[in-house]
Protein backbone atom coordinates (compact mmCIF):
# COMPACT_ATOMS: atom_id res chain seq x y z
CA MET A 1 34.00 18.85 -23.93
CA LYS A 2 30.30 18.07 -24.29
CA ILE A 3 31.09 14.89 -26.23
CA LEU A 4 33.54 13.82 -23.52
CA ALA A 5 30.95 14.48 -20.81
CA ARG A 6 28.42 12.35 -22.69
CA PHE A 7 30.87 9.46 -22.91
CA ARG A 8 31.47 9.72 -19.17
CA GLN A 9 27.74 9.65 -18.49
CA PHE A 10 27.30 6.63 -20.75
CA GLY A 11 30.13 4.90 -18.91
CA LYS A 12 28.34 5.44 -15.60
CA LEU A 13 25.03 4.17 -17.01
CA LYS A 14 26.34 1.04 -18.72
CA PRO A 15 26.97 -1.08 -15.58
CA LEU A 16 23.60 -0.03 -14.14
CA ARG A 17 21.82 -1.01 -17.35
CA GLU A 18 23.64 -4.35 -17.40
CA ALA A 19 22.74 -5.06 -13.77
CA ALA A 20 19.07 -4.17 -14.38
CA ARG A 21 19.01 -6.42 -17.46
CA ARG A 22 20.77 -9.41 -15.87
CA THR A 23 19.11 -9.36 -12.45
CA PRO A 24 16.02 -7.12 -12.51
CA SER A 25 15.00 -6.13 -8.98
CA PRO A 26 13.80 -3.01 -7.14
CA THR A 27 17.43 -2.31 -6.24
CA THR A 28 18.93 -2.55 -9.74
CA LEU A 29 16.03 -0.93 -11.58
CA GLY A 30 15.70 1.74 -8.89
CA ALA A 31 19.41 2.59 -9.09
CA LEU A 32 19.15 2.94 -12.88
CA ALA A 33 16.05 5.16 -12.68
CA GLU A 34 17.66 7.36 -10.02
CA ARG A 35 20.84 7.77 -12.07
CA LEU A 36 18.76 8.74 -15.13
CA ILE A 37 16.92 11.33 -13.03
CA SER A 38 20.21 12.80 -11.79
CA MET A 39 21.31 13.11 -15.43
CA GLY A 40 18.10 14.93 -16.37
CA ARG A 41 16.80 12.08 -18.55
CA ILE A 42 13.39 12.20 -16.90
CA ASP A 43 11.34 10.47 -19.61
CA GLU A 44 13.72 7.52 -19.72
CA ALA A 45 13.75 7.34 -15.92
CA HIS A 46 9.96 7.32 -15.91
CA GLN A 47 9.86 4.47 -18.44
CA THR A 48 12.41 2.49 -16.42
CA ALA A 49 10.49 2.94 -13.16
CA ARG A 50 7.16 2.08 -14.79
CA ARG A 51 8.65 -1.04 -16.37
CA GLY A 52 10.03 -2.05 -12.97
CA LEU A 53 6.69 -1.52 -11.26
CA LEU A 54 5.07 -4.00 -13.63
CA GLN A 55 7.34 -6.66 -12.10
CA PHE A 56 7.59 -5.27 -8.57
CA PRO A 57 4.42 -3.24 -7.88
CA ARG A 58 5.19 -2.98 -4.14
CA SER A 59 8.63 -1.43 -4.46
CA SER A 60 8.78 1.89 -2.59
CA ARG A 61 12.02 2.80 -4.36
CA LEU A 62 10.55 2.36 -7.84
CA ASN A 63 7.35 4.11 -6.79
CA ALA A 64 9.37 7.08 -5.53
CA ALA A 65 11.33 7.33 -8.80
CA CYS A 66 8.16 7.03 -10.86
CA THR A 67 6.39 9.65 -8.75
CA PHE A 68 9.29 12.09 -9.05
CA ALA A 69 9.45 11.69 -12.84
CA THR A 70 5.68 12.02 -13.20
CA LYS A 71 5.57 15.07 -10.94
CA HIS A 72 8.39 16.68 -12.90
CA GLY A 73 6.30 16.34 -16.06
CA MET A 74 3.25 17.88 -14.37
CA GLN A 75 4.97 20.92 -12.90
CA SER A 76 3.48 23.39 -15.38
CA ARG A 77 -0.04 22.05 -14.82
CA ILE A 78 0.39 22.10 -11.05
CA ALA A 79 1.71 25.68 -11.19
CA ARG A 80 -1.30 26.79 -13.25
CA LEU A 81 -3.77 25.18 -10.87
CA ARG A 82 -2.01 26.59 -7.82
CA LYS A 83 -2.34 30.08 -9.28
CA GLU A 84 -6.04 29.51 -10.00
CA MET A 85 -6.56 28.27 -6.45
CA GLU A 86 -5.23 31.60 -5.21
CA ASP A 87 -6.78 33.93 -7.81
CA VAL A 88 -10.17 32.35 -8.62
CA PRO A 89 -10.71 29.49 -6.13
CA ASN A 90 -13.52 27.08 -6.97
CA PRO A 91 -14.27 23.43 -6.16
CA SER A 92 -13.29 22.21 -9.65
CA VAL A 93 -9.78 23.63 -9.39
CA PHE A 94 -9.22 22.13 -5.94
CA SER A 95 -10.59 18.77 -7.11
CA GLU A 96 -8.37 18.72 -10.20
CA MET A 97 -5.31 19.45 -8.07
CA ALA A 98 -6.29 16.73 -5.59
CA GLU A 99 -6.71 14.23 -8.42
CA ILE A 100 -3.23 15.05 -9.74
CA TYR A 101 -1.65 14.34 -6.37
CA ARG A 102 -3.77 11.22 -6.08
CA ASP A 103 -2.33 9.99 -9.38
CA LEU A 104 1.12 10.78 -7.99
CA GLY A 105 0.40 8.70 -4.91
CA ASP A 106 0.79 11.61 -2.47
CA ASP A 107 -2.18 10.80 -0.22
CA ASP A 108 -1.27 13.32 2.46
CA LYS A 109 -1.28 16.15 -0.09
CA VAL A 110 -4.62 14.93 -1.49
CA ILE A 111 -6.21 15.05 1.95
CA GLU A 112 -4.69 18.47 2.66
CA ILE A 113 -6.13 19.93 -0.57
CA CYS A 114 -9.53 18.33 0.10
CA GLU A 115 -9.58 19.86 3.58
CA GLN A 116 -8.81 23.29 2.11
CA CYS A 117 -11.64 22.86 -0.37
CA ILE A 118 -14.09 21.69 2.31
CA GLU A 119 -13.22 24.71 4.43
CA ARG A 120 -14.12 27.07 1.55
CA PHE A 121 -16.90 25.05 -0.10
CA PRO A 122 -18.48 22.83 2.58
CA LEU A 123 -21.54 21.99 0.47
CA ASN A 124 -19.61 20.61 -2.50
CA GLU A 125 -19.51 16.80 -2.56
CA LYS A 126 -16.32 16.34 -4.61
CA PRO A 127 -13.66 16.90 -1.90
CA TYR A 128 -15.52 14.57 0.48
CA MET A 129 -15.65 11.97 -2.31
CA ILE A 130 -11.94 12.15 -3.13
CA SER A 131 -10.90 12.21 0.51
CA GLY A 132 -13.24 9.34 1.39
CA ALA A 133 -11.89 7.16 -1.42
CA VAL A 134 -8.30 7.83 -0.37
CA ARG A 135 -9.11 7.12 3.27
CA LEU A 136 -10.73 3.83 2.28
CA ASP A 137 -7.65 2.88 0.27
CA ARG A 138 -5.50 3.61 3.32
CA PHE A 139 -7.79 1.68 5.64
CA ILE A 140 -7.61 -1.35 3.36
CA GLU A 141 -3.85 -1.00 3.00
CA ASP A 142 -2.91 -0.21 6.64
CA MET A 143 -5.91 -1.53 8.62
CA ALA A 144 -5.66 1.64 10.75
CA ALA A 145 -8.98 2.30 12.49
CA HIS A 146 -8.82 6.10 12.23
CA GLU A 147 -8.63 5.79 8.42
CA GLY A 148 -11.75 3.65 8.44
CA PHE A 149 -13.57 6.16 10.65
CA GLU A 150 -12.63 9.02 8.32
CA ALA A 151 -13.57 7.05 5.20
CA GLU A 152 -17.05 6.31 6.53
CA MET A 153 -17.61 9.88 7.70
CA GLN A 154 -16.52 11.44 4.40
CA LEU A 155 -18.46 9.02 2.21
CA ARG A 156 -21.62 9.34 4.32
CA ARG A 157 -21.28 13.10 3.91
CA VAL A 158 -21.24 12.64 0.14
CA VAL A 159 -24.45 10.60 0.24
CA LYS A 160 -26.06 13.22 2.46
CA LEU A 161 -25.20 15.96 -0.02
CA ASN A 162 -26.12 13.85 -3.05
CA ALA A 163 -28.15 10.71 -2.45
CA GLU A 164 -27.60 9.67 -6.08
CA ASN A 165 -23.81 9.54 -5.97
CA VAL A 166 -23.23 5.99 -7.22
CA GLU A 167 -19.53 5.82 -6.38
CA ALA A 168 -20.10 6.88 -2.77
CA HIS A 169 -22.74 4.17 -2.30
CA LEU A 170 -20.42 1.62 -3.89
CA LEU A 171 -17.47 2.54 -1.66
CA LEU A 172 -19.64 2.56 1.45
CA GLY A 173 -20.88 -0.87 0.39
CA LYS A 174 -17.30 -2.09 0.14
CA LEU A 175 -16.37 -0.62 3.53
CA TYR A 176 -19.35 -2.23 5.26
CA PHE A 177 -18.75 -5.54 3.48
CA ILE A 178 -15.13 -5.96 4.55
CA VAL A 179 -15.93 -5.23 8.21
CA GLY A 180 -18.90 -7.63 8.18
CA ALA A 181 -21.82 -5.15 8.38
CA HIS A 182 -23.75 -6.83 5.58
CA ASP A 183 -27.21 -5.42 6.28
CA THR A 184 -25.87 -1.89 5.92
CA MET A 185 -23.76 -2.94 2.94
CA GLU A 186 -26.78 -4.39 1.15
CA HIS A 187 -28.67 -1.10 1.47
CA HIS A 188 -25.92 0.79 -0.36
CA VAL A 189 -25.38 -1.90 -2.99
CA ARG A 190 -29.11 -1.93 -3.78
CA GLU A 191 -28.95 1.85 -4.16
CA VAL A 192 -26.22 1.35 -6.77
CA ILE A 193 -28.33 -1.27 -8.57
CA HIS A 194 -31.27 1.17 -8.57
CA LEU A 195 -29.22 4.16 -9.76
CA ALA A 196 -26.94 2.29 -12.17
CA PRO A 197 -28.63 -1.01 -13.06
CA ARG A 198 -25.92 -1.92 -15.59
CA THR A 199 -23.21 -2.08 -12.92
CA PRO A 200 -21.85 -5.63 -13.40
CA GLY A 201 -21.77 -8.36 -10.78
CA LEU A 202 -23.77 -6.75 -7.97
CA GLU A 203 -26.93 -8.90 -8.07
CA GLU A 204 -24.85 -12.07 -8.19
CA PHE A 205 -22.71 -10.74 -5.34
CA LEU A 206 -25.75 -10.10 -3.11
CA ASN A 207 -27.14 -13.55 -3.88
CA ASP A 208 -23.82 -15.06 -2.82
CA ILE A 209 -23.63 -13.24 0.54
CA PRO A 210 -25.51 -15.89 2.59
CA THR A 211 -23.00 -18.50 1.38
CA ARG A 212 -20.08 -16.28 2.34
CA VAL A 213 -21.48 -15.73 5.84
CA THR A 214 -22.08 -19.46 6.28
CA ASP A 215 -18.55 -20.28 5.14
CA ASP A 216 -16.79 -17.63 7.18
CA GLY A 217 -18.98 -17.62 10.29
CA ASP A 218 -21.74 -15.27 11.43
CA GLN A 219 -20.03 -11.92 10.97
CA ASP A 220 -23.21 -9.90 10.65
CA ASN A 221 -24.35 -9.42 14.23
CA VAL A 222 -26.33 -6.19 13.85
CA ASP A 223 -25.73 -5.30 17.48
CA ILE A 224 -22.05 -4.55 16.81
CA PRO A 225 -21.59 -0.82 16.03
CA ILE A 226 -19.72 0.06 12.84
CA ARG A 227 -16.93 1.84 14.72
CA GLU A 228 -16.41 -1.25 16.85
CA ARG A 229 -16.13 -3.39 13.72
CA ILE A 230 -13.56 -1.02 12.24
CA ARG A 231 -11.60 -0.94 15.49
CA SER A 232 -11.64 -4.75 15.54
CA VAL A 233 -9.95 -4.87 12.12
CA GLU A 234 -6.99 -2.91 13.46
CA PHE A 235 -6.80 -5.05 16.58
CA GLN A 236 -6.99 -8.35 14.66
CA SER A 237 -4.90 -7.11 11.70
CA GLU A 238 -7.40 -8.87 9.46
CA PHE A 239 -10.67 -8.17 7.65
CA PRO A 240 -13.61 -10.50 8.39
CA PHE A 241 -14.23 -10.49 4.64
CA PRO A 242 -11.44 -9.91 2.08
CA PRO A 243 -11.55 -6.67 0.03
CA HIS A 244 -10.97 -8.52 -3.25
CA ALA A 245 -14.26 -10.44 -2.75
CA PHE A 246 -16.25 -7.24 -3.28
CA PRO A 247 -17.10 -6.47 -6.93
CA ALA A 248 -14.51 -4.25 -8.62
CA THR A 249 -14.88 -0.60 -7.73
CA SER A 250 -13.24 2.46 -9.22
CA GLY A 251 -10.63 4.28 -7.19
CA THR A 252 -10.13 1.69 -4.48
CA ALA A 253 -7.07 -0.33 -3.57
CA ASP A 254 -7.59 -4.06 -4.03
CA LEU A 255 -4.03 -5.05 -3.16
CA PRO A 256 -4.70 -6.01 0.46
CA GLY A 257 -6.33 -9.38 0.61
CA THR A 258 -5.38 -10.08 -3.01
CA ALA A 259 -1.70 -10.59 -2.26
CA ARG A 260 -0.61 -14.17 -2.54
CA LEU A 261 2.60 -15.57 -1.11
CA ASP A 262 4.79 -17.37 -3.60
CA MET A 263 6.13 -19.91 -1.10
CA GLU A 264 8.56 -21.62 -3.45
CA ASN A 265 10.09 -18.34 -4.55
CA MET A 266 10.11 -17.08 -0.96
CA GLU A 267 12.16 -20.03 0.30
CA GLU A 268 14.64 -19.64 -2.56
CA SER A 269 14.96 -15.92 -1.84
CA LEU A 270 15.48 -16.58 1.86
CA ALA A 271 18.26 -19.04 1.10
CA GLU A 272 20.00 -16.43 -1.07
CA ILE A 273 19.67 -13.75 1.62
CA GLY A 274 20.97 -16.17 4.27
CA GLN A 275 24.13 -16.64 2.22
CA SER A 276 24.71 -12.89 1.78
CA GLN A 277 27.83 -11.41 3.35
CA GLY A 278 27.16 -10.28 6.92
CA VAL A 279 23.67 -11.77 7.25
CA MET A 280 23.35 -13.67 10.52
CA GLN A 281 19.76 -14.87 10.45
CA VAL A 282 16.50 -14.51 8.47
CA LEU A 283 13.11 -15.72 9.64
CA ILE A 284 9.51 -15.39 8.38
CA LEU A 285 6.54 -15.55 10.77
CA ASP A 286 2.80 -15.57 10.09
CA ARG A 287 0.54 -13.00 11.75
CA ASN A 288 0.19 -15.27 14.81
CA GLY A 289 3.95 -15.36 15.34
CA LEU A 290 4.41 -18.92 14.04
CA PRO A 291 7.36 -19.60 11.69
CA LEU A 292 6.43 -20.05 8.03
CA THR A 293 9.94 -21.23 7.17
CA ASP A 294 13.00 -22.48 9.00
CA ALA A 295 15.45 -19.85 10.20
CA VAL A 296 18.23 -19.28 7.68
CA GLY A 297 21.72 -18.16 8.63
CA ALA A 298 24.70 -19.09 10.78
CA ASP A 299 23.72 -17.20 13.95
CA THR A 300 23.83 -19.12 17.22
CA LEU A 301 20.40 -17.77 18.23
CA THR A 302 17.83 -20.54 17.73
CA GLY A 303 14.87 -20.00 15.43
CA GLY A 304 12.46 -20.14 18.37
CA ALA A 305 14.42 -17.53 20.34
CA PHE A 306 14.61 -15.23 17.31
CA ALA A 307 10.86 -15.66 16.75
CA ASP A 308 10.19 -14.67 20.38
CA LEU A 309 12.47 -11.65 20.03
CA MET A 310 10.70 -10.59 16.82
CA THR A 311 7.28 -10.96 18.44
CA ASP A 312 8.27 -8.85 21.46
CA ILE A 313 9.68 -6.07 19.26
CA LEU A 314 6.64 -6.17 16.96
CA GLN A 315 4.17 -5.91 19.82
CA THR A 316 6.02 -2.93 21.29
CA ALA A 317 6.30 -1.18 17.93
CA GLN A 318 2.66 -1.83 16.99
CA THR A 319 1.44 -0.48 20.34
CA ALA A 320 3.55 2.65 19.90
CA SER A 321 2.27 3.15 16.34
CA ARG A 322 -1.35 3.03 17.48
CA LYS A 323 -0.79 5.31 20.47
CA MET A 324 0.93 7.88 18.23
CA ASP A 325 -1.89 7.50 15.69
CA VAL A 326 0.53 6.96 12.81
CA GLY A 327 -1.20 3.89 11.38
CA ARG A 328 -0.23 0.26 11.42
CA PHE A 329 3.38 -0.71 12.05
CA SER A 330 5.40 -1.12 8.84
CA ASN A 331 9.03 -1.75 9.78
CA CYS A 332 11.78 -0.85 12.22
CA THR A 333 15.53 -1.21 12.52
CA ILE A 334 17.39 -1.73 15.80
CA GLU A 335 21.15 -1.18 15.85
CA GLY A 336 23.62 -2.35 18.50
CA PRO A 337 27.20 -3.50 19.08
CA PHE A 338 26.37 -6.79 17.33
CA GLY A 339 25.12 -5.07 14.15
CA GLY A 340 21.40 -4.64 13.55
CA ILE A 341 17.97 -6.25 13.36
CA PHE A 342 15.39 -5.33 10.73
CA ILE A 343 11.77 -6.31 11.35
CA GLY A 344 9.03 -5.61 8.83
CA ALA A 345 5.33 -6.38 8.44
CA VAL A 346 4.02 -7.08 4.95
CA LYS A 347 0.35 -8.00 4.85
CA ASN A 348 0.00 -11.05 7.08
CA ILE A 349 3.66 -11.99 7.40
CA ARG A 350 6.47 -10.72 9.61
CA ILE A 351 10.06 -10.63 8.36
CA GLY A 352 13.13 -10.59 10.62
CA LEU A 353 16.70 -10.03 9.46
CA LYS A 354 19.69 -10.03 11.82
CA TYR A 355 22.99 -8.76 10.40
CA ASP A 356 26.48 -7.94 11.64
CA LEU A 357 28.52 -4.73 11.62
CA THR A 358 29.75 -5.28 8.05
CA VAL A 359 26.24 -4.68 6.65
CA ARG A 360 24.98 -1.12 6.21
CA THR A 361 21.38 -0.49 7.27
CA GLU A 362 20.61 0.70 3.74
CA ARG A 363 21.82 -2.64 2.39
CA ALA A 364 19.59 -4.53 4.81
CA LEU A 365 16.61 -2.50 3.64
CA GLU A 366 17.49 -3.25 0.01
CA LEU A 367 17.65 -6.99 0.74
CA MET A 368 14.23 -6.90 2.37
CA GLU A 369 12.65 -4.82 -0.38
CA ASP A 370 13.93 -7.17 -3.06
CA PHE A 371 12.62 -10.12 -1.05
CA THR A 372 9.09 -8.74 -0.49
CA ALA A 373 8.76 -7.53 -4.08
CA GLY A 374 9.66 -10.97 -5.41
CA SER A 375 7.67 -13.09 -2.95
CA PHE A 376 4.20 -11.72 -3.67
CA THR A 377 1.92 -11.79 -6.68
CA THR A 378 -1.40 -10.01 -7.00
CA LEU A 379 -4.70 -11.76 -7.59
CA GLY A 380 -4.73 -10.38 -11.13
CA GLU A 381 -1.36 -11.97 -11.84
CA VAL A 382 -2.52 -15.28 -10.38
CA THR A 383 -5.74 -15.41 -12.41
CA ALA A 384 -3.94 -14.29 -15.55
């Protein structure tokens, strides 16, 4: 019976493996990893998800599978630390647990653990450091003002507790750089140079700042408060200075600002989506609402009318997201008697997909995930 069951399992896996091999995408690789997880083959699922993330680093489906497999392998360590947190709580135990969840990509859990640690050990710098780094990552990723406020507050607290914390100065320098507060940024970068003179690239970076300001405009008006600068980033959905232009720092997300559109691949992908069964129209807009490509699909709605509809929905959704303090708008789906409309925001582009009643919402999301994963490369991939 066991041999028969194994043959059945292999039969279920074979088409998924073939699909992942022939047409690798977040959908095919994600389906294979999920099936492996359901069969208890966690290590193989982890390898599959990790391999997929090398090709499609922005895939939420592959990230979820990878996180689940990684977390499964860390259960014993997490259980031990949880017991220590209850029996003999100390900052090191809380910090180790927070770092585990940080590696797993569970930012909310990281912040929750840091808050618990701060409540018990308010004079220990580590939870402020971890929380501040995560908040900065989220500010760079989502451009949500409240994340920027929290990042600055936590990192400034670290420096207050320990004026020689190099990483805190470096991350504060990055935060102030991307919002255009270069006088304040320079203070923290010079502290890093003083404390860790072998840190590469910082002197050259400071020498290059006047050129950057000249090229990009006078962004360093000292009369503008930091909070106002941070709030302006959310409002404009853009950093005055790109995060990737700051020298490499440990523990920070450099994806925003380093993403590059692969226009040729994007147009090919759009054409394929437009020919998919049930797809009525696909359109890509830039952050100003101007079409980056022609509308694809057989719908009678003109490209200009669909662009206006997308813009109206986006503005409403973005306003609601900010009022509810849930960060920057990511995506939404509207369903009606005609079928549905998916609208998503990825970095500085807006994606709209209109589909009829024959398309499941899950399928529309899969189409969009495959498209966004294949239409971006990171700066590292470009320079390589």
